[in-house]
């Protein structure tokens, strides 16, 4: 087979396949559009047309074959159809005959039916007329009812009746004139009701504003009562905790029951508001009423926030703040119960406006106040206002923050008032020990401030170691603590005690300590006053622990938490410094008095030719003064202070004796004068030993003594009385016997040490070889001291 034949057979086979696909698609009723489109896109529409014709020929052939196969069946079916046609003609004739008969019988019945329908029409018209008459009667009855409600001022029932007439009956009124009259009057009636309700609402606005003050005062009074009950409960609990008493829960339960029984609900009459709002809602103008209410209440708030210029703020603040409290209590009630009349955002806006104005006003008023009492009263009422409104959901924190800004101003005023009181107390003090004649005096002045040194009640009359300044100052400090706690309580601070402690510490340092130092440094006190001030400061140091415990108790924290060493006051350390200053002033005064007595040494005959048998006259005055001084100090001062006073006085006397030998007024002295000073020194040493043991100091300072503070004078006298004074130049002997003496002082004194012709060291006398040797030794010491210098 050649290639052309093969190609033709392939094409025919391909055409046969495509004809089969087309036949299948046509048989299934599928869309031939895609195939037609594809044929045109391929540029072969003739081929597709030929294929379609071929398919048509094939179908015609199939139909022809089908007809040839079922020819006899078609003939039988046609015969049956002809039989059916004959039966249908017979049935048609029978139906025509029956219809004629039916028409003859139904004509009579049709006449009767028409008569019945006419009767039904008359009945329907009569029923409609009756119904319309009833509607007119009902409308007229409702109009009468409406007029009655209006005459009685019952606008809501009247409006509901009018709404019923308008929506349910008016459209059914058949009398056009009546309907038009009613339709014309309805808008006028609604306008009249709106004006009447608005007028009543305006009256309520005036009434509720005038009642706001009473509402606020009542609410704040409840808050104050609740605060007092809480404070009493906490006080009982603290006492029970401190005393470890059982029944702590009973206290709390009893108070809770009382609080529930005494609790009362503020009654705010909002009926006119509810009625007005409801009627305005019925009138369909509730949004207009929302705006009207909010605008008028905001105007009232701005007016309430204006303070009187004719009355001082300290006289009007309660009324002013109560008015604000009442205003927002009413707004809270309206927000919760008026069904959408107010939005929460609107109330917040009003509250923010009020807080901003109140903060500004309080800052100005606080800055102008000159009394801590006035500032505290206003602050307390502001905190009660905050406590009251917090219960109604208002955020009062920013308002209370204003009080924190003024706490420094308050404490400055309080400190200044207390400063004046303490200054008066100090100025009026006689600096004499208090004599407490009975137990009540002891309780008020000692036990009240834990100033006792023993738990045993003393016998009366009892002489306290302090003067009247101490208990009076403690009372003033206690009042300062109370004032500080009162101001800081119920604010935004959670750690009130720490803040109170800071201000108390500052007050003790800047006021109490400063006034005491001013008194000490003023130069107008004597020895006894300085001694008493030093004793007072020692007692005030102990009182600092009481001040801390008292502050903790008022702040409601356990006192054990303030008894730790690190919880102490800085003022206690500062008072110790003031006490040292008082001791210093006391010693200066004592030394000044001793200097007066030691000036009498100028009356001594420093070149006496006769040996002195006894002491000099001045030493008796010194001993008497020291005895009086130490006796008084023993009664007033603690033992460590007594030791300081005694040792300081004796050390000063020792220095004065050495200074007497160095004085320019003494040009020379001899051994007789040294012997006299030696006698004076022995009396002082004996007195020092006696007082050191009799005062009990020997039990505390077992390694010390008063005699040791006379050591410089004793070593000088021993050197001047020594048979071998040149031993002073021996380092070992000097360190052992003369370690307190200064080279230069010794050199100056030795230059003045010259004996007379008949003296102990007389160079012209040969009566005593030992005395001559001592003089040579002294001369040798002088020479060696000159060489040393």
Foldseek 3Di string as FASTA:
>chain_A
DDPVVVVVVVVVVVLVVVLVVVLVCVVVVHDCVVVCVVCVVVVNNVSVVVSVVVNVVVVVVVVVVVCVVCVVVVVVVVVVVVVVVVVVVVVVVVVVVVVVVVVVVCVVVVVVVVVVVVVVVVVVVVVLVVVLVVLVVVLVVLVVVLVVCVVVVVVVVNLVSLVCCVPPRLVSNPDPVVSVVSVVCSVVVLVVNLVVLVVLVVVVVVVLLVCLLVLLVVLLVLLVVVVVLVVVLLLVLQVCVVVVNPDNVVSVVVSVVVNVVPDDDRDDDCVSVLVSLVSCVSVVNNVVVLVVVLVVLLVSLVVLLDDDPVDQCLVCVSSSLSSVLSSLVVVLCCCVPNVPSDDPVSSLVSVVVSLVSLLVVLLVNLVPDLALVSLLVSLLSLLSSVVSVVVSVDDCQSNLVSLVVSLVVSLVSLLVVLLVQLLVLVVPWPLAWDFAADDVSCCQQDVVLVLDPDPDDDDPRDTHLATPSQSSNLVSLLVSLVSQLSSQPSGPDPCSLVVSLVSSLCSLQVRVLVSLLCVLPVPPDALSNLLNSLLSLVSVLVSQLSSSLSSCSSVSHRSVVCPDPVNGGPSSVVSVVSSVSSLVSNLVNLLVVVVVLLVCCLVDPQADLDADDAADPSLVVVLVVLVVSLVSSLSRPPPVSSVSNLLSNLLSVLVSLLVVLVDPSQQAGELSNLNRVVNSLVVVLVSFQVSCVVSPVCVVCVVDTSNVSNLQSVLLSCLRPDLQNLCCPVVVVCVVRPVPDDLVSSLSSLVRYDHDCSHLCRPVDPPDVSSVSSNVNSVVNNVVSVVVD
